[in-house]
Protein backbone atom coordinates (compact mmCIF):
# COMPACT_ATOMS: atom_id res chain seq x y z
CA MET A 1 78.98 69.17 100.16
CA THR A 2 78.70 66.12 101.01
CA THR A 3 76.91 62.88 99.11
CA LEU A 4 75.12 60.07 100.47
CA GLY A 5 76.24 56.64 98.97
CA ALA A 6 76.30 53.16 100.50
CA VAL A 7 79.01 50.17 99.67
CA HIS A 8 79.24 46.48 99.49
CA VAL A 9 75.98 45.76 97.10
CA HIS A 10 75.67 43.07 94.59
CA SER A 11 74.03 43.12 91.20
CA THR A 12 72.90 40.13 88.78
CA TYR A 13 76.59 40.14 87.78
CA SER A 14 76.71 38.23 91.22
CA HIS A 15 75.77 34.42 91.32
CA ASP A 16 73.25 35.59 94.57
CA GLY A 17 72.53 38.44 93.15
CA ARG A 18 68.82 39.94 92.19
CA ASP A 19 69.02 43.72 91.06
CA SER A 20 70.65 44.33 87.51
CA LEU A 21 72.49 46.66 87.39
CA PRO A 22 69.52 50.01 86.83
CA ASP A 23 67.46 48.11 88.98
CA LEU A 24 70.10 50.06 91.57
CA HIS A 25 70.90 52.67 89.88
CA ALA A 26 67.26 53.29 89.95
CA PHE A 27 67.32 52.20 94.46
CA ALA A 28 70.05 54.99 94.42
CA ALA A 29 67.81 57.65 93.27
CA SER A 30 64.86 56.74 95.02
CA ARG A 31 67.03 56.21 98.42
CA GLY A 32 68.56 59.88 97.84
CA LEU A 33 71.68 58.55 97.09
CA GLY A 34 74.68 59.50 95.20
CA PHE A 35 77.12 56.61 94.31
CA ILE A 36 76.65 52.99 95.13
CA GLY A 37 80.24 51.03 95.73
CA LEU A 38 79.55 47.37 93.93
CA THR A 39 81.60 43.79 95.07
CA ASP A 40 80.08 41.20 92.93
CA HIS A 41 81.75 38.00 93.78
CA ALA A 42 85.18 37.36 92.04
CA GLU A 43 84.41 33.78 90.99
CA ASP A 44 81.77 34.98 88.97
CA PHE A 45 84.05 36.64 86.70
CA ASP A 46 86.73 36.68 83.95
CA ALA A 47 88.18 39.51 81.54
CA ASP A 48 86.05 39.73 79.21
CA VAL A 49 82.95 39.53 82.06
CA PHE A 50 84.33 42.15 84.21
CA ALA A 51 85.27 44.30 81.13
CA ARG A 52 81.61 43.96 80.23
CA PHE A 53 80.61 44.95 83.94
CA THR A 54 82.66 48.23 83.75
CA ALA A 55 81.29 49.29 80.27
CA GLU A 56 77.71 49.29 82.31
CA CYS A 57 78.23 50.88 84.72
CA ARG A 58 80.02 53.84 83.13
CA ALA A 59 76.75 53.65 80.75
CA VAL A 60 73.83 53.49 83.63
CA SER A 61 76.45 55.99 85.75
CA VAL A 62 75.66 58.80 82.86
CA THR A 63 73.07 60.63 84.62
CA GLY A 64 71.99 60.36 88.39
CA PRO A 65 73.97 58.23 90.53
CA ARG A 66 77.58 56.58 90.04
CA LEU A 67 77.34 52.70 90.34
CA ILE A 68 81.29 52.16 91.26
CA PRO A 69 82.57 48.50 89.77
CA GLY A 70 84.42 46.34 92.59
CA LEU A 71 84.80 43.06 93.67
CA GLU A 72 84.91 40.69 96.23
CA PHE A 73 87.91 38.10 96.24
CA ARG A 74 87.69 35.01 98.32
CA PHE A 75 90.70 32.79 98.80
CA ALA A 76 91.29 29.21 99.19
CA GLY A 77 91.42 27.39 102.26
CA LEU A 78 91.23 30.84 104.16
CA LYS A 79 86.91 30.06 104.98
CA GLY A 80 85.36 33.87 105.83
CA LEU A 81 88.62 35.62 105.02
CA HIS A 82 86.71 37.94 102.16
CA LEU A 83 89.02 41.49 100.52
CA LEU A 84 87.14 44.02 98.85
CA ALA A 85 88.22 45.85 95.37
CA LEU A 86 85.82 49.00 94.83
CA GLY A 87 87.11 51.32 91.96
CA LEU A 88 88.54 48.29 90.62
CA THR A 89 90.29 49.35 87.18
CA ARG A 90 91.40 46.15 85.74
CA TRP A 91 90.85 42.73 86.05
CA ILE A 92 93.03 40.96 88.18
CA GLU A 93 93.08 37.76 89.46
CA PRO A 94 94.64 37.00 93.76
CA ALA A 95 95.36 33.48 94.04
CA THR A 96 96.36 34.75 98.53
CA PRO A 97 95.49 37.46 100.14
CA ASP A 98 99.36 38.80 99.89
CA GLU A 99 98.50 39.02 96.26
CA PHE A 100 95.59 41.02 96.91
CA ILE A 101 97.44 43.32 99.08
CA ALA A 102 99.70 43.56 95.81
CA MET A 103 97.58 43.58 92.31
CA THR A 104 95.08 46.11 94.43
CA ARG A 105 97.71 48.76 94.34
CA GLY A 106 97.81 51.16 91.91
CA VAL A 107 94.50 49.80 90.64
CA THR A 108 92.04 50.34 93.06
CA GLY A 109 90.26 53.69 94.54
CA LEU A 110 89.02 51.41 98.49
CA THR A 111 90.00 48.27 99.65
CA ILE A 112 88.09 46.71 102.63
CA ALA A 113 88.80 43.57 104.47
CA ALA A 114 84.83 42.18 104.76
CA HIS A 115 82.60 40.87 107.53
CA PRO A 116 85.49 40.24 110.40
CA ILE A 117 83.07 38.23 112.17
CA LEU A 118 82.76 35.65 109.34
CA ALA A 119 86.55 35.82 109.89
CA ALA A 120 87.20 35.25 113.17
CA TYR A 121 89.19 38.12 113.37
CA SER A 122 92.21 36.79 112.00
CA TYR A 123 93.90 38.35 108.65
CA PRO A 124 97.54 37.65 107.45
CA PRO A 125 99.89 40.25 108.00
CA SER A 126 99.69 41.39 105.14
CA VAL A 127 96.03 42.51 105.26
CA LEU A 128 97.14 43.97 108.86
CA GLU A 129 99.49 46.28 106.70
CA GLY A 130 97.89 46.87 103.40
CA ILE A 131 93.97 47.28 103.47
CA ASP A 132 92.87 50.47 103.89
CA ALA A 133 89.42 50.02 105.66
CA PHE A 134 87.61 46.67 108.03
CA GLU A 135 83.75 46.22 107.65
CA VAL A 136 82.50 47.03 110.71
CA TRP A 137 79.60 47.30 110.12
CA ASN A 138 77.74 44.56 108.33
CA ALA A 139 74.09 44.73 107.80
CA SER A 140 73.79 41.94 106.88
CA TYR A 141 76.07 39.59 109.26
CA ASN A 142 76.02 41.92 112.38
CA THR A 143 72.17 43.25 111.46
CA ARG A 144 70.95 46.36 110.82
CA PHE A 145 70.40 47.18 114.31
CA LEU A 146 74.04 47.37 115.21
CA PRO A 147 77.83 47.54 114.86
CA ASP A 148 79.68 44.47 115.80
CA PRO A 149 82.42 45.58 118.48
CA ARG A 150 84.85 42.81 118.52
CA ALA A 151 85.68 44.71 114.14
CA ILE A 152 85.92 47.60 115.52
CA ARG A 153 88.59 46.80 118.09
CA LEU A 154 90.24 45.36 115.99
CA LEU A 155 90.77 48.52 113.76
CA ALA A 156 91.70 50.06 116.97
CA MET A 157 94.71 47.57 117.24
CA VAL A 158 95.55 48.28 113.81
CA ARG A 159 95.32 51.87 113.37
CA ARG A 160 97.67 51.97 116.71
CA THR A 161 100.29 51.50 113.86
CA ARG A 162 97.97 52.14 110.64
CA PRO A 163 96.39 55.38 111.87
CA ALA A 164 94.86 55.93 108.53
CA ALA A 165 92.94 52.33 108.48
CA VAL A 166 88.95 53.62 108.42
CA ALA A 167 85.71 52.14 109.47
CA VAL A 168 83.24 50.77 107.69
CA ALA A 169 79.42 50.40 107.62
CA GLY A 170 78.39 47.98 104.17
CA LEU A 171 74.85 46.68 103.46
CA ASP A 172 75.94 43.26 102.61
CA GLN A 173 73.16 44.40 99.97
CA HIS A 174 71.57 41.40 97.63
CA ASP A 175 68.52 41.78 97.26
CA ALA A 176 67.55 45.65 97.12
CA ARG A 177 63.99 44.46 98.40
CA ASN A 178 66.09 44.48 101.72
CA ASP A 179 67.87 47.86 102.27
CA ARG A 180 69.35 47.48 105.66
CA GLU A 181 70.04 50.76 105.54
CA THR A 182 73.94 51.63 106.62
CA ARG A 183 74.87 54.41 104.66
CA VAL A 184 78.62 56.35 104.82
CA GLU A 185 78.37 59.98 104.11
CA VAL A 186 81.35 61.47 102.23
CA PHE A 187 82.28 65.05 102.73
CA ASP A 188 83.78 64.97 99.69
CA ASP A 189 81.50 64.50 95.81
CA GLY A 190 84.06 65.00 94.32
CA ASP A 191 85.55 61.37 94.40
CA PRO A 192 84.07 59.62 96.53
CA LEU A 193 86.51 56.39 97.18
CA ALA A 194 89.10 58.82 97.89
CA ALA A 195 86.82 60.72 100.76
CA ILE A 196 86.41 57.42 102.12
CA ARG A 197 90.07 56.17 102.51
CA ALA A 198 91.30 59.63 103.67
CA GLY A 199 88.49 59.60 106.17
CA ARG A 200 86.61 62.41 105.52
CA PHE A 201 83.69 60.23 105.91
CA ARG A 202 80.95 59.29 107.88
CA ASN A 203 79.23 56.08 108.45
CA ILE A 204 75.08 56.12 109.49
CA GLY A 205 72.85 53.25 110.51
CA ARG A 206 69.29 52.56 111.87
CA THR A 207 70.49 52.96 115.61
CA MET A 208 74.05 55.00 115.42
CA SER A 209 76.58 56.73 113.87
CA PHE A 210 80.32 57.22 114.01
CA ASP A 211 83.22 58.61 112.06
CA ALA A 212 85.52 56.86 109.50
CA HIS A 213 87.59 55.66 112.89
CA ALA A 214 84.58 54.41 115.04
CA GLY A 215 85.75 56.56 117.87
CA LEU A 216 82.80 55.91 119.99
CA GLY A 217 84.55 56.63 123.95
CA PRO A 218 84.06 54.38 126.41
CA VAL A 219 80.59 55.11 127.51
CA ARG A 220 79.32 55.10 123.81
CA GLY A 221 82.01 51.50 123.55
CA ALA A 222 80.66 49.92 126.59
CA ALA A 223 76.80 50.41 125.44
CA LEU A 224 77.66 49.06 122.40
CA TRP A 225 79.28 45.92 123.69
CA THR A 226 76.75 45.85 126.05
CA ALA A 227 73.46 45.66 123.50
CA ARG A 228 75.88 43.32 121.39
CA THR A 229 76.07 41.06 123.42
CA LEU A 230 72.29 41.20 124.75
CA PHE A 231 71.29 41.00 121.35
CA ASP A 232 72.81 37.97 119.84
CA GLY A 233 72.00 36.46 122.82
CA VAL A 234 68.15 37.06 122.32
CA GLU A 235 68.71 35.51 118.41
CA ARG A 236 70.46 32.82 119.25
CA VAL A 237 67.38 32.20 121.93
CA GLN A 238 64.72 32.50 118.78
CA ASP A 239 66.86 30.36 116.54
CA ARG A 240 67.72 27.89 119.05
CA ALA A 241 63.44 28.23 119.22
CA ALA A 242 63.27 28.11 115.62
CA ARG A 243 65.14 24.95 115.03
CA TRP A 244 63.16 23.24 118.17
CA LEU A 245 60.01 24.05 116.82
CA ALA A 246 61.17 22.45 112.76
CA ALA A 247 61.92 19.30 114.40
CA ARG A 248 59.29 19.05 115.86
CA ARG A 249 56.93 19.40 112.61
CA LYS A 250 59.47 17.34 110.76
CA SER A 251 58.56 14.15 114.06
């Protein structure tokens, strides 16, 4: 049996989230999702808020799709390095990536290095050696159309010594009205996070799908690099044109 889900989703427990937990439960039901892996901003929490958050996730998930509580952690002095803890069972306050890896052991279902493009694909050894997954397709920063070949290359490098590391496609969703459509199809509906961690899933996007190891092969891999380069080039031209038009309006 397979279960469709989405990971890296924010609710109104995050300062920039639009959707309440009941809203996200309804969103999941309307899209045929069996679960949502929440990753609200840890800086918006303390122990009491986390307790309310996890209790509400349980209450909302009594029937229908399951909302799995989790948090997104940032670290002072490490711009863009964000780590996700899904299925977090107790409040933690890691100040460094090393502490995150140590503190999440035994209290999370899945850890993910989010949007590697923002971290310039550079992680401390503790993360490379201890994280469960890399978000090789972030539908916000990489767009809904193509995954990130540099993140896939990073994962391949990590897998040379840690073959259990997996590739995840995440929504990074803050507003359900803009569903960017990346999904994970899990081949086990008992514990979706355990199935992802074990590699029993595939990633699905608007234009392509791939397995837990992002094994695209040489032909698909080369095509992705070419398409990503062209797509990013078009985006840069559009951004420059938008900035030029904005400047003209001000002058």
